[in-house]
Amino acid sequence: MIDIKTSKAPINTVTLDKTKIEEPTQNIYEAISIIAKRTEQISLDVRKELLEKLDEFATHSESLEEIFENREQIEVSRYYERLPKAHALAVEEWLNDNIYYRNTKEDQENA
């Protein structure tokens, strides 16, 4: 599991070598599929963490002044906006061989 706060994943778009991405599976489509599934997992984890932090600032009164002046909530949101995106984190994990995957077709053939 990658620590999102200390990750070296790029924040901006970068060009990657296709052969490095497909190397573990020897199939670019399978590699992309695995990365996409990991991206969804990371995205859900980050979203859950953000919502938990924002929930700390939730007020039960509906005052517009309180909503617009909550600086701490704005800072938390900005912090999460500056983090690398989920797909960049998933690609970094993939390239560092930190994603566990298995081919279910091979498992069925060997059974």
N, C-alpha and C. Protein backbone atom coordinates (compact mmCIF):
# COMPACT_ATOMS: atom_id res chain seq x y z
N MET A 1 0.85 -1.18 0.00
CA MET A 1 0.00 0.00 0.00
C MET A 1 0.88 1.23 0.00
N ILE A 2 0.59 2.14 -0.87
CA ILE A 2 1.38 3.36 -1.02
C ILE A 2 0.84 4.43 -0.07
N ASP A 3 1.74 5.19 0.51
CA ASP A 3 1.33 6.32 1.34
C ASP A 3 1.14 7.52 0.43
N ILE A 4 -0.07 7.95 0.28
CA ILE A 4 -0.41 9.00 -0.68
C ILE A 4 0.30 10.31 -0.36
N LYS A 5 0.56 10.57 0.91
CA LYS A 5 1.16 11.85 1.29
C LYS A 5 2.65 11.92 0.99
N THR A 6 3.32 10.77 0.94
CA THR A 6 4.76 10.75 0.66
C THR A 6 5.07 10.20 -0.72
N SER A 7 4.06 10.01 -1.52
CA SER A 7 4.24 9.44 -2.85
C SER A 7 5.04 10.36 -3.77
N LYS A 8 5.78 9.77 -4.65
CA LYS A 8 6.54 10.52 -5.65
C LYS A 8 5.80 10.55 -7.00
N ALA A 9 4.52 10.19 -6.98
CA ALA A 9 3.72 10.19 -8.20
C ALA A 9 3.62 11.61 -8.74
N PRO A 10 3.70 11.75 -10.06
CA PRO A 10 3.63 13.09 -10.64
C PRO A 10 2.25 13.71 -10.49
N ILE A 11 2.25 15.02 -10.31
CA ILE A 11 0.99 15.74 -10.22
C ILE A 11 0.50 16.12 -11.61
N ASN A 12 1.45 16.35 -12.51
CA ASN A 12 1.12 16.70 -13.89
C ASN A 12 1.20 15.46 -14.78
N THR A 13 0.71 15.58 -15.98
CA THR A 13 0.73 14.49 -16.94
C THR A 13 2.16 14.23 -17.40
N VAL A 14 2.53 12.96 -17.44
CA VAL A 14 3.85 12.57 -17.93
C VAL A 14 3.70 11.45 -18.95
N THR A 15 4.65 11.35 -19.85
CA THR A 15 4.66 10.29 -20.84
C THR A 15 5.38 9.08 -20.26
N LEU A 16 4.78 7.92 -20.41
CA LEU A 16 5.37 6.70 -19.89
C LEU A 16 5.73 5.75 -21.03
N ASP A 17 6.68 4.88 -20.76
CA ASP A 17 7.10 3.88 -21.74
C ASP A 17 6.10 2.72 -21.72
N LYS A 18 5.46 2.48 -22.84
CA LYS A 18 4.45 1.43 -22.96
C LYS A 18 5.03 0.07 -22.60
N THR A 19 6.27 -0.19 -22.98
CA THR A 19 6.86 -1.51 -22.72
C THR A 19 7.04 -1.76 -21.22
N LYS A 20 7.31 -0.70 -20.45
CA LYS A 20 7.44 -0.86 -19.01
C LYS A 20 6.10 -1.17 -18.37
N ILE A 21 5.04 -0.58 -18.89
CA ILE A 21 3.71 -0.81 -18.34
C ILE A 21 3.24 -2.22 -18.64
N GLU A 22 3.47 -2.70 -19.85
CA GLU A 22 2.97 -4.01 -20.22
C GLU A 22 3.90 -5.16 -19.81
N GLU A 23 5.10 -4.84 -19.37
CA GLU A 23 6.11 -5.86 -19.06
C GLU A 23 5.64 -6.96 -18.10
N PRO A 24 5.01 -6.65 -16.96
CA PRO A 24 4.62 -7.72 -16.03
C PRO A 24 3.61 -8.71 -16.60
N THR A 25 2.71 -8.25 -17.45
CA THR A 25 1.65 -9.11 -17.97
C THR A 25 1.86 -9.52 -19.42
N GLN A 26 2.74 -8.83 -20.10
CA GLN A 26 2.96 -9.01 -21.54
C GLN A 26 1.71 -8.68 -22.36
N ASN A 27 0.83 -7.88 -21.77
CA ASN A 27 -0.40 -7.49 -22.45
C ASN A 27 -0.79 -6.10 -21.93
N ILE A 28 -0.74 -5.12 -22.80
CA ILE A 28 -1.02 -3.73 -22.40
C ILE A 28 -2.45 -3.56 -21.89
N TYR A 29 -3.40 -4.28 -22.50
CA TYR A 29 -4.80 -4.14 -22.10
C TYR A 29 -5.04 -4.72 -20.71
N GLU A 30 -4.40 -5.84 -20.42
CA GLU A 30 -4.52 -6.43 -19.09
C GLU A 30 -3.87 -5.52 -18.04
N ALA A 31 -2.72 -4.96 -18.38
CA ALA A 31 -2.03 -4.05 -17.46
C ALA A 31 -2.89 -2.82 -17.17
N ILE A 32 -3.47 -2.25 -18.19
CA ILE A 32 -4.33 -1.07 -18.03
C ILE A 32 -5.55 -1.42 -17.18
N SER A 33 -6.10 -2.60 -17.39
CA SER A 33 -7.26 -3.04 -16.61
C SER A 33 -6.91 -3.16 -15.13
N ILE A 34 -5.76 -3.72 -14.83
CA ILE A 34 -5.31 -3.86 -13.43
C ILE A 34 -5.08 -2.49 -12.82
N ILE A 35 -4.43 -1.61 -13.55
CA ILE A 35 -4.18 -0.25 -13.07
C ILE A 35 -5.50 0.49 -12.82
N ALA A 36 -6.47 0.31 -13.71
CA ALA A 36 -7.77 0.97 -13.56
C ALA A 36 -8.49 0.49 -12.30
N LYS A 37 -8.42 -0.81 -12.03
CA LYS A 37 -9.06 -1.34 -10.82
C LYS A 37 -8.39 -0.78 -9.57
N ARG A 38 -7.08 -0.69 -9.59
CA ARG A 38 -6.35 -0.13 -8.45
C ARG A 38 -6.67 1.36 -8.28
N THR A 39 -6.83 2.06 -9.41
CA THR A 39 -7.20 3.47 -9.38
C THR A 39 -8.52 3.67 -8.65
N GLU A 40 -9.49 2.81 -8.94
CA GLU A 40 -10.78 2.90 -8.27
C GLU A 40 -10.64 2.68 -6.77
N GLN A 41 -9.81 1.72 -6.36
CA GLN A 41 -9.59 1.46 -4.94
C GLN A 41 -8.97 2.67 -4.25
N ILE A 42 -7.96 3.24 -4.87
CA ILE A 42 -7.29 4.41 -4.30
C ILE A 42 -8.26 5.58 -4.20
N SER A 43 -9.02 5.79 -5.25
CA SER A 43 -9.97 6.90 -5.29
C SER A 43 -11.00 6.77 -4.16
N LEU A 44 -11.50 5.57 -3.96
CA LEU A 44 -12.48 5.36 -2.89
C LEU A 44 -11.86 5.60 -1.51
N ASP A 45 -10.63 5.14 -1.32
CA ASP A 45 -9.95 5.35 -0.03
C ASP A 45 -9.73 6.83 0.24
N VAL A 46 -9.28 7.57 -0.76
CA VAL A 46 -9.01 8.99 -0.59
C VAL A 46 -10.32 9.75 -0.35
N ARG A 47 -11.34 9.40 -1.10
CA ARG A 47 -12.64 10.05 -0.93
C ARG A 47 -13.19 9.81 0.48
N LYS A 48 -13.07 8.57 0.97
CA LYS A 48 -13.54 8.23 2.31
C LYS A 48 -12.78 9.04 3.36
N GLU A 49 -11.46 9.12 3.21
CA GLU A 49 -10.63 9.88 4.15
C GLU A 49 -11.00 11.36 4.14
N LEU A 50 -11.19 11.92 2.95
CA LEU A 50 -11.57 13.34 2.83
C LEU A 50 -12.92 13.60 3.48
N LEU A 51 -13.89 12.75 3.21
CA LEU A 51 -15.22 12.95 3.78
C LEU A 51 -15.19 12.84 5.30
N GLU A 52 -14.36 11.94 5.84
CA GLU A 52 -14.23 11.84 7.29
C GLU A 52 -13.66 13.13 7.88
N LYS A 53 -12.65 13.68 7.22
CA LYS A 53 -12.06 14.93 7.72
C LYS A 53 -13.03 16.09 7.60
N LEU A 54 -13.76 16.16 6.49
CA LEU A 54 -14.72 17.25 6.31
C LEU A 54 -15.90 17.11 7.26
N ASP A 55 -16.21 15.87 7.63
CA ASP A 55 -17.32 15.65 8.55
C ASP A 55 -17.03 16.24 9.92
N GLU A 56 -15.75 16.36 10.27
CA GLU A 56 -15.38 16.98 11.54
C GLU A 56 -15.82 18.44 11.60
N PHE A 57 -15.92 19.07 10.44
CA PHE A 57 -16.30 20.48 10.38
C PHE A 57 -17.79 20.68 10.16
N ALA A 58 -18.53 19.60 10.07
CA ALA A 58 -19.96 19.70 9.79
C ALA A 58 -20.68 20.43 10.91
N THR A 59 -21.52 21.35 10.52
CA THR A 59 -22.33 22.06 11.50
C THR A 59 -23.77 21.64 11.32
N HIS A 60 -24.48 21.62 12.40
CA HIS A 60 -25.87 21.19 12.33
C HIS A 60 -26.81 22.37 12.15
N SER A 61 -26.27 23.57 12.18
CA SER A 61 -27.09 24.74 11.89
C SER A 61 -26.82 25.16 10.44
N GLU A 62 -27.80 25.69 9.82
CA GLU A 62 -27.70 26.04 8.40
C GLU A 62 -27.45 27.54 8.20
N SER A 63 -26.45 28.06 8.82
CA SER A 63 -26.11 29.47 8.68
C SER A 63 -25.16 29.65 7.50
N LEU A 64 -25.50 30.49 6.56
CA LEU A 64 -24.66 30.72 5.39
C LEU A 64 -23.31 31.32 5.78
N GLU A 65 -23.29 32.14 6.79
CA GLU A 65 -22.04 32.75 7.23
C GLU A 65 -21.05 31.69 7.70
N GLU A 66 -21.52 30.69 8.42
CA GLU A 66 -20.65 29.62 8.90
C GLU A 66 -20.12 28.79 7.74
N ILE A 67 -20.93 28.58 6.74
CA ILE A 67 -20.52 27.76 5.60
C ILE A 67 -19.42 28.45 4.81
N PHE A 68 -19.55 29.74 4.57
CA PHE A 68 -18.59 30.46 3.75
C PHE A 68 -17.31 30.83 4.49
N GLU A 69 -17.33 30.83 5.81
CA GLU A 69 -16.17 31.29 6.56
C GLU A 69 -15.37 30.17 7.23
N ASN A 70 -15.62 28.93 6.89
CA ASN A 70 -14.91 27.83 7.51
C ASN A 70 -13.58 27.61 6.81
N ARG A 71 -12.56 28.32 7.25
CA ARG A 71 -11.23 28.28 6.63
C ARG A 71 -10.56 26.92 6.75
N GLU A 72 -10.74 26.26 7.88
CA GLU A 72 -10.11 24.95 8.07
C GLU A 72 -10.61 23.94 7.05
N GLN A 73 -11.90 23.98 6.80
CA GLN A 73 -12.49 23.08 5.82
C GLN A 73 -11.95 23.37 4.42
N ILE A 74 -11.79 24.63 4.10
CA ILE A 74 -11.23 25.03 2.80
C ILE A 74 -9.80 24.55 2.67
N GLU A 75 -9.02 24.67 3.73
CA GLU A 75 -7.62 24.22 3.70
C GLU A 75 -7.52 22.71 3.51
N VAL A 76 -8.38 21.95 4.18
CA VAL A 76 -8.38 20.49 4.02
C VAL A 76 -8.71 20.14 2.57
N SER A 77 -9.70 20.79 2.01
CA SER A 77 -10.08 20.54 0.62
C SER A 77 -8.95 20.88 -0.34
N ARG A 78 -8.30 22.00 -0.12
CA ARG A 78 -7.17 22.39 -0.99
C ARG A 78 -6.02 21.41 -0.89
N TYR A 79 -5.76 20.92 0.33
CA TYR A 79 -4.69 19.94 0.51
C TYR A 79 -4.96 18.69 -0.34
N TYR A 80 -6.18 18.19 -0.32
CA TYR A 80 -6.51 17.00 -1.09
C TYR A 80 -6.51 17.27 -2.59
N GLU A 81 -6.82 18.48 -2.99
CA GLU A 81 -6.77 18.84 -4.41
C GLU A 81 -5.34 18.84 -4.94
N ARG A 82 -4.37 19.15 -4.07
CA ARG A 82 -2.96 19.21 -4.49
C ARG A 82 -2.28 17.85 -4.51
N LEU A 83 -2.89 16.85 -3.94
CA LEU A 83 -2.29 15.51 -3.94
C LEU A 83 -2.29 14.92 -5.35
N PRO A 84 -1.38 13.98 -5.62
CA PRO A 84 -1.41 13.32 -6.94
C PRO A 84 -2.75 12.61 -7.14
N LYS A 85 -3.18 12.53 -8.37
CA LYS A 85 -4.44 11.88 -8.69
C LYS A 85 -4.32 10.37 -8.53
N ALA A 86 -5.45 9.72 -8.36
CA ALA A 86 -5.49 8.28 -8.11
C ALA A 86 -4.83 7.49 -9.23
N HIS A 87 -5.03 7.90 -10.48
CA HIS A 87 -4.44 7.13 -11.59
C HIS A 87 -2.91 7.24 -11.58
N ALA A 88 -2.38 8.38 -11.17
CA ALA A 88 -0.93 8.54 -11.10
C ALA A 88 -0.35 7.66 -9.99
N LEU A 89 -1.07 7.57 -8.89
CA LEU A 89 -0.63 6.71 -7.79
C LEU A 89 -0.67 5.24 -8.20
N ALA A 90 -1.72 4.84 -8.91
CA ALA A 90 -1.84 3.45 -9.34
C ALA A 90 -0.74 3.09 -10.34
N VAL A 91 -0.43 3.98 -11.25
CA VAL A 91 0.64 3.72 -12.21
C VAL A 91 1.98 3.61 -11.49
N GLU A 92 2.20 4.48 -10.51
CA GLU A 92 3.44 4.41 -9.75
C GLU A 92 3.56 3.07 -9.03
N GLU A 93 2.47 2.62 -8.41
CA GLU A 93 2.47 1.32 -7.75
C GLU A 93 2.77 0.20 -8.74
N TRP A 94 2.16 0.28 -9.90
CA TRP A 94 2.34 -0.74 -10.94
C TRP A 94 3.80 -0.79 -11.39
N LEU A 95 4.38 0.36 -11.66
CA LEU A 95 5.76 0.40 -12.13
C LEU A 95 6.75 -0.03 -11.05
N ASN A 96 6.39 0.14 -9.78
CA ASN A 96 7.25 -0.28 -8.67
C ASN A 96 6.93 -1.70 -8.21
N ASP A 97 6.08 -2.39 -8.96
CA ASP A 97 5.70 -3.78 -8.67
C ASP A 97 5.08 -3.92 -7.28
N ASN A 98 4.20 -2.99 -6.94
CA ASN A 98 3.53 -3.00 -5.63
C ASN A 98 2.06 -3.38 -5.71
N ILE A 99 1.61 -3.87 -6.86
CA ILE A 99 0.22 -4.28 -7.01
C ILE A 99 0.20 -5.79 -7.17
N TYR A 100 -0.57 -6.46 -6.31
CA TYR A 100 -0.73 -7.90 -6.44
C TYR A 100 -1.86 -8.16 -7.43
N TYR A 101 -1.60 -9.03 -8.35
CA TYR A 101 -2.62 -9.43 -9.32
C TYR A 101 -2.40 -10.89 -9.67
N ARG A 102 -3.43 -11.50 -10.19
CA ARG A 102 -3.29 -12.88 -10.67
C ARG A 102 -4.20 -13.06 -11.86
N ASN A 103 -3.82 -13.99 -12.70
CA ASN A 103 -4.59 -14.28 -13.90
C ASN A 103 -5.56 -15.40 -13.57
N THR A 104 -6.85 -15.10 -13.51
CA THR A 104 -7.83 -16.10 -13.13
C THR A 104 -8.00 -17.17 -14.20
N LYS A 105 -7.73 -16.84 -15.45
CA LYS A 105 -7.81 -17.86 -16.51
C LYS A 105 -6.74 -18.93 -16.31
N GLU A 106 -5.55 -18.50 -15.95
CA GLU A 106 -4.46 -19.46 -15.71
C GLU A 106 -4.78 -20.30 -14.48
N ASP A 107 -5.41 -19.69 -13.45
CA ASP A 107 -5.78 -20.45 -12.25
C ASP A 107 -6.80 -21.55 -12.58
N GLN A 108 -7.75 -21.22 -13.45
CA GLN A 108 -8.78 -22.19 -13.83
C GLN A 108 -8.19 -23.31 -14.68
N GLU A 109 -7.24 -22.98 -15.55
CA GLU A 109 -6.62 -23.99 -16.41
C GLU A 109 -5.75 -24.95 -15.59
N ASN A 110 -5.12 -24.46 -14.55
CA ASN A 110 -4.24 -25.26 -13.71
C ASN A 110 -5.00 -26.09 -12.68
N ALA A 111 -6.26 -25.78 -12.47
CA ALA A 111 -7.05 -26.50 -11.45
C ALA A 111 -7.53 -27.84 -11.93
